[in-house]
Amino acid sequence: MSLTMTIVMLISGWLAVAAAMLWGVLRITRRHHHHPVQPASAKKTDKAAARHATAH
């Protein structure tokens, strides 16, 4: 294998790993993003709200 092909494959491997890690981080941040509580959801009891807060 030529030196040029080795360098190109090394760089493309780094890019693939970086893209996979970025995708994983973005997936986790979207999954754990907490939306602000709407005033309409004030009907929940304190017990239900406490249970939701301790779920994570």
PDB file of N, CA and C in Angstrom:
ATOM      1  N   MET A   1       0.855  -1.172   0.000  1.00  0.00           N
ATOM      2  CA  MET A   1       0.000   0.000   0.000  1.00  0.00           C
ATOM      3  C   MET A   1       0.903   1.237   0.000  1.00  0.00           C
ATOM      4  N   SER A   2       0.535   2.206  -0.818  1.00  0.00           N
ATOM      5  CA  SER A   2       1.373   3.398  -0.936  1.00  0.00           C
ATOM      6  C   SER A   2       1.199   4.300   0.290  1.00  0.00           C
ATOM      7  N   LEU A   3       2.137   5.193   0.475  1.00  0.00           N
ATOM      8  CA  LEU A   3       2.115   6.122   1.601  1.00  0.00           C
ATOM      9  C   LEU A   3       0.909   7.048   1.524  1.00  0.00           C
ATOM     10  N   THR A   4       0.576   7.487   0.322  1.00  0.00           N
ATOM     11  CA  THR A   4      -0.575   8.385   0.145  1.00  0.00           C
ATOM     12  C   THR A   4      -1.874   7.691   0.558  1.00  0.00           C
ATOM     13  N   MET A   5      -2.028   6.447   0.147  1.00  0.00           N
ATOM     14  CA  MET A   5      -3.241   5.713   0.495  1.00  0.00           C
ATOM     15  C   MET A   5      -3.320   5.465   2.003  1.00  0.00           C
ATOM     16  N   THR A   6      -2.195   5.210   2.635  1.00  0.00           N
ATOM     17  CA  THR A   6      -2.170   5.006   4.081  1.00  0.00           C
ATOM     18  C   THR A   6      -2.602   6.266   4.817  1.00  0.00           C
ATOM     19  N   ILE A   7      -2.101   7.408   4.399  1.00  0.00           N
ATOM     20  CA  ILE A   7      -2.457   8.685   5.037  1.00  0.00           C
ATOM     21  C   ILE A   7      -3.934   8.999   4.818  1.00  0.00           C
ATOM     22  N   VAL A   8      -4.432   8.768   3.614  1.00  0.00           N
ATOM     23  CA  VAL A   8      -5.851   9.027   3.326  1.00  0.00           C
ATOM     24  C   VAL A   8      -6.741   8.121   4.169  1.00  0.00           C
ATOM     25  N   MET A   9      -6.386   6.855   4.300  1.00  0.00           N
ATOM     26  CA  MET A   9      -7.188   5.945   5.112  1.00  0.00           C
ATOM     27  C   MET A   9      -7.124   6.306   6.588  1.00  0.00           C
ATOM     28  N   LEU A  10      -5.973   6.763   7.059  1.00  0.00           N
ATOM     29  CA  LEU A  10      -5.831   7.178   8.452  1.00  0.00           C
ATOM     30  C   LEU A  10      -6.711   8.393   8.752  1.00  0.00           C
ATOM     31  N   ILE A  11      -6.698   9.370   7.869  1.00  0.00           N
ATOM     32  CA  ILE A  11      -7.518  10.575   8.057  1.00  0.00           C
ATOM     33  C   ILE A  11      -9.006  10.231   7.974  1.00  0.00           C
ATOM     34  N   SER A  12      -9.393   9.386   7.021  1.00  0.00           N
ATOM     35  CA  SER A  12     -10.808   9.020   6.926  1.00  0.00           C
ATOM     36  C   SER A  12     -11.249   8.201   8.138  1.00  0.00           C
ATOM     37  N   GLY A  13     -10.375   7.411   8.711  1.00  0.00           N
ATOM     38  CA  GLY A  13     -10.703   6.686   9.932  1.00  0.00           C
ATOM     39  C   GLY A  13     -10.921   7.629  11.099  1.00  0.00           C
ATOM     40  N   TRP A  14     -10.054   8.640  11.221  1.00  0.00           N
ATOM     41  CA  TRP A  14     -10.225   9.644  12.275  1.00  0.00           C
ATOM     42  C   TRP A  14     -11.546  10.390  12.110  1.00  0.00           C
ATOM     43  N   LEU A  15     -11.869  10.742  10.881  1.00  0.00           N
ATOM     44  CA  LEU A  15     -13.125  11.455  10.626  1.00  0.00           C
ATOM     45  C   LEU A  15     -14.341  10.583  10.954  1.00  0.00           C
ATOM     46  N   ALA A  16     -14.260   9.307  10.643  1.00  0.00           N
ATOM     47  CA  ALA A  16     -15.375   8.408  10.952  1.00  0.00           C
ATOM     48  C   ALA A  16     -15.569   8.278  12.462  1.00  0.00           C
ATOM     49  N   VAL A  17     -14.486   8.159  13.201  1.00  0.00           N
ATOM     50  CA  VAL A  17     -14.580   8.065  14.658  1.00  0.00           C
ATOM     51  C   VAL A  17     -15.107   9.368  15.245  1.00  0.00           C
ATOM     52  N   ALA A  18     -14.626  10.497  14.740  1.00  0.00           N
ATOM     53  CA  ALA A  18     -15.094  11.800  15.239  1.00  0.00           C
ATOM     54  C   ALA A  18     -16.579  11.993  14.947  1.00  0.00           C
ATOM     55  N   ALA A  19     -17.035  11.595  13.777  1.00  0.00           N
ATOM     56  CA  ALA A  19     -18.451  11.723  13.434  1.00  0.00           C
ATOM     57  C   ALA A  19     -19.305  10.818  14.318  1.00  0.00           C
ATOM     58  N   ALA A  20     -18.833   9.622  14.603  1.00  0.00           N
ATOM     59  CA  ALA A  20     -19.585   8.711  15.466  1.00  0.00           C
ATOM     60  C   ALA A  20     -19.686   9.250  16.890  1.00  0.00           C
ATOM     61  N   MET A  21     -18.591   9.808  17.396  1.00  0.00           N
ATOM     62  CA  MET A  21     -18.629  10.374  18.741  1.00  0.00           C
ATOM     63  C   MET A  21     -19.528  11.600  18.802  1.00  0.00           C
ATOM     64  N   LEU A  22     -19.487  12.445  17.779  1.00  0.00           N
ATOM     65  CA  LEU A  22     -20.357  13.614  17.737  1.00  0.00           C
ATOM     66  C   LEU A  22     -21.815  13.193  17.673  1.00  0.00           C
ATOM     67  N   TRP A  23     -22.128  12.193  16.870  1.00  0.00           N
ATOM     68  CA  TRP A  23     -23.500  11.689  16.775  1.00  0.00           C
ATOM     69  C   TRP A  23     -23.968  11.163  18.133  1.00  0.00           C
ATOM     70  N   GLY A  24     -23.123  10.441  18.832  1.00  0.00           N
ATOM     71  CA  GLY A  24     -23.490   9.918  20.144  1.00  0.00           C
ATOM     72  C   GLY A  24     -23.728  11.009  21.165  1.00  0.00           C
ATOM     73  N   VAL A  25     -22.871  12.029  21.171  1.00  0.00           N
ATOM     74  CA  VAL A  25     -23.042  13.134  22.112  1.00  0.00           C
ATOM     75  C   VAL A  25     -24.325  13.894  21.812  1.00  0.00           C
ATOM     76  N   LEU A  26     -24.592  14.175  20.554  1.00  0.00           N
ATOM     77  CA  LEU A  26     -25.817  14.888  20.195  1.00  0.00           C
ATOM     78  C   LEU A  26     -27.051  14.061  20.530  1.00  0.00           C
ATOM     79  N   ARG A  27     -26.966  12.766  20.354  1.00  0.00           N
ATOM     80  CA  ARG A  27     -28.101  11.891  20.679  1.00  0.00           C
ATOM     81  C   ARG A  27     -28.394  11.915  22.169  1.00  0.00           C
ATOM     82  N   ILE A  28     -27.338  11.868  22.979  1.00  0.00           N
ATOM     83  CA  ILE A  28     -27.523  11.881  24.434  1.00  0.00           C
ATOM     84  C   ILE A  28     -28.059  13.232  24.893  1.00  0.00           C
ATOM     85  N   THR A  29     -27.540  14.329  24.346  1.00  0.00           N
ATOM     86  CA  THR A  29     -28.016  15.640  24.782  1.00  0.00           C
ATOM     87  C   THR A  29     -29.466  15.862  24.370  1.00  0.00           C
ATOM     88  N   ARG A  30     -29.867  15.378  23.212  1.00  0.00           N
ATOM     89  CA  ARG A  30     -31.276  15.515  22.817  1.00  0.00           C
ATOM     90  C   ARG A  30     -32.169  14.646  23.687  1.00  0.00           C
ATOM     91  N   ARG A  31     -31.679  13.492  24.085  1.00  0.00           N
ATOM     92  CA  ARG A  31     -32.492  12.574  24.887  1.00  0.00           C
ATOM     93  C   ARG A  31     -32.697  13.095  26.305  1.00  0.00           C
ATOM     94  N   HIS A  32     -31.687  13.753  26.880  1.00  0.00           N
ATOM     95  CA  HIS A  32     -31.757  14.206  28.262  1.00  0.00           C
ATOM     96  C   HIS A  32     -32.116  15.685  28.390  1.00  0.00           C
ATOM     97  N   HIS A  33     -32.568  16.283  27.319  1.00  0.00           N
ATOM     98  CA  HIS A  33     -32.950  17.693  27.372  1.00  0.00           C
ATOM     99  C   HIS A  33     -34.291  17.826  28.078  1.00  0.00           C
ATOM    100  N   HIS A  34     -34.349  18.692  29.099  1.00  0.00           N
ATOM    101  CA  HIS A  34     -35.584  18.894  29.848  1.00  0.00           C
ATOM    102  C   HIS A  34     -36.296  20.129  29.309  1.00  0.00           C
ATOM    103  N   HIS A  35     -37.543  19.947  28.909  1.00  0.00           N
ATOM    104  CA  HIS A  35     -38.334  21.050  28.401  1.00  0.00           C
ATOM    105  C   HIS A  35     -38.924  21.835  29.566  1.00  0.00           C
ATOM    106  N   PRO A  36     -39.115  23.141  29.410  1.00  0.00           N
ATOM    107  CA  PRO A  36     -39.715  23.924  30.491  1.00  0.00           C
ATOM    108  C   PRO A  36     -41.155  23.468  30.760  1.00  0.00           C
ATOM    109  N   VAL A  37     -41.549  23.527  32.003  1.00  0.00           N
ATOM    110  CA  VAL A  37     -42.881  23.073  32.408  1.00  0.00           C
ATOM    111  C   VAL A  37     -43.907  24.125  31.988  1.00  0.00           C
ATOM    112  N   GLN A  38     -44.969  23.668  31.363  1.00  0.00           N
ATOM    113  CA  GLN A  38     -46.045  24.553  30.921  1.00  0.00           C
ATOM    114  C   GLN A  38     -47.001  24.813  32.082  1.00  0.00           C
ATOM    115  N   PRO A  39     -47.615  26.000  32.162  1.00  0.00           N
ATOM    116  CA  PRO A  39     -48.582  26.276  33.227  1.00  0.00           C
ATOM    117  C   PRO A  39     -49.796  25.349  33.176  1.00  0.00           C
ATOM    118  N   ALA A  40     -50.150  24.823  32.008  1.00  0.00           N
ATOM    119  CA  ALA A  40     -51.299  23.939  31.881  1.00  0.00           C
ATOM    120  C   ALA A  40     -51.060  22.615  32.595  1.00  0.00           C
ATOM    121  N   SER A  41     -49.803  22.239  32.808  1.00  0.00           N
ATOM    122  CA  SER A  41     -49.513  20.971  33.461  1.00  0.00           C
ATOM    123  C   SER A  41     -49.459  21.132  34.981  1.00  0.00           C
ATOM    124  N   ALA A  42     -49.942  22.246  35.515  1.00  0.00           N
ATOM    125  CA  ALA A  42     -49.938  22.471  36.960  1.00  0.00           C
ATOM    126  C   ALA A  42     -50.940  21.577  37.669  1.00  0.00           C
ATOM    127  N   LYS A  43     -51.738  20.818  36.932  1.00  0.00           N
ATOM    128  CA  LYS A  43     -52.724  19.932  37.531  1.00  0.00           C
ATOM    129  C   LYS A  43     -52.085  18.708  38.178  1.00  0.00           C
ATOM    130  N   LYS A  44     -50.811  18.455  37.888  1.00  0.00           N
ATOM    131  CA  LYS A  44     -50.139  17.300  38.470  1.00  0.00           C
ATOM    132  C   LYS A  44     -50.006  17.475  39.973  1.00  0.00           C
ATOM    133  N   THR A  45     -50.051  16.376  40.668  1.00  0.00           N
ATOM    134  CA  THR A  45     -49.867  16.437  42.113  1.00  0.00           C
ATOM    135  C   THR A  45     -48.384  16.580  42.426  1.00  0.00           C
ATOM    136  N   ASP A  46     -48.088  16.953  43.654  1.00  0.00           N
ATOM    137  CA  ASP A  46     -46.691  17.097  44.055  1.00  0.00           C
ATOM    138  C   ASP A  46     -45.975  15.745  44.039  1.00  0.00           C
ATOM    139  N   LYS A  47     -46.725  14.681  44.335  1.00  0.00           N
ATOM    140  CA  LYS A  47     -46.123  13.350  44.330  1.00  0.00           C
ATOM    141  C   LYS A  47     -45.667  12.974  42.916  1.00  0.00           C
ATOM    142  N   ALA A  48     -46.492  13.264  41.911  1.00  0.00           N
ATOM    143  CA  ALA A  48     -46.139  12.942  40.530  1.00  0.00           C
ATOM    144  C   ALA A  48     -44.953  13.791  40.082  1.00  0.00           C
ATOM    145  N   ALA A  49     -44.924  15.056  40.488  1.00  0.00           N
ATOM    146  CA  ALA A  49     -43.819  15.935  40.094  1.00  0.00           C
ATOM    147  C   ALA A  49     -42.524  15.478  40.748  1.00  0.00           C
ATOM    148  N   ALA A  50     -42.597  15.058  42.015  1.00  0.00           N
ATOM    149  CA  ALA A  50     -41.388  14.592  42.701  1.00  0.00           C
ATOM    150  C   ALA A  50     -40.885  13.291  42.075  1.00  0.00           C
ATOM    151  N   ARG A  51     -41.804  12.426  41.674  1.00  0.00           N
ATOM    152  CA  ARG A  51     -41.411  11.170  41.053  1.00  0.00           C
ATOM    153  C   ARG A  51     -40.712  11.437  39.729  1.00  0.00           C
ATOM    154  N   HIS A  52     -41.208  12.406  38.967  1.00  0.00           N
ATOM    155  CA  HIS A  52     -40.593  12.729  37.683  1.00  0.00           C
ATOM    156  C   HIS A  52     -39.204  13.317  37.882  1.00  0.00           C
ATOM    157  N   ALA A  53     -39.037  14.148  38.885  1.00  0.00           N
ATOM    158  CA  ALA A  53     -37.751  14.810  39.105  1.00  0.00           C
ATOM    159  C   ALA A  53     -36.687  13.798  39.529  1.00  0.00           C
ATOM    160  N   THR A  54     -37.063  12.748  40.219  1.00  0.00           N
ATOM    161  CA  THR A  54     -36.069  11.788  40.682  1.00  0.00           C
ATOM    162  C   THR A  54     -35.869  10.638  39.695  1.00  0.00           C
ATOM    163  N   ALA A  55     -36.534  10.704  38.542  1.00  0.00           N
ATOM    164  CA  ALA A  55     -36.416   9.606  37.577  1.00  0.00           C
ATOM    165  C   ALA A  55     -35.027   9.546  36.956  1.00  0.00           C
ATOM    166  N   HIS A  56     -34.319  10.651  36.915  1.00  0.00           N
ATOM    167  CA  HIS A  56     -33.002  10.662  36.269  1.00  0.00           C
ATOM    168  C   HIS A  56     -31.971  10.661  37.321  1.00  0.00           C
TER     169      HIS A  56
END
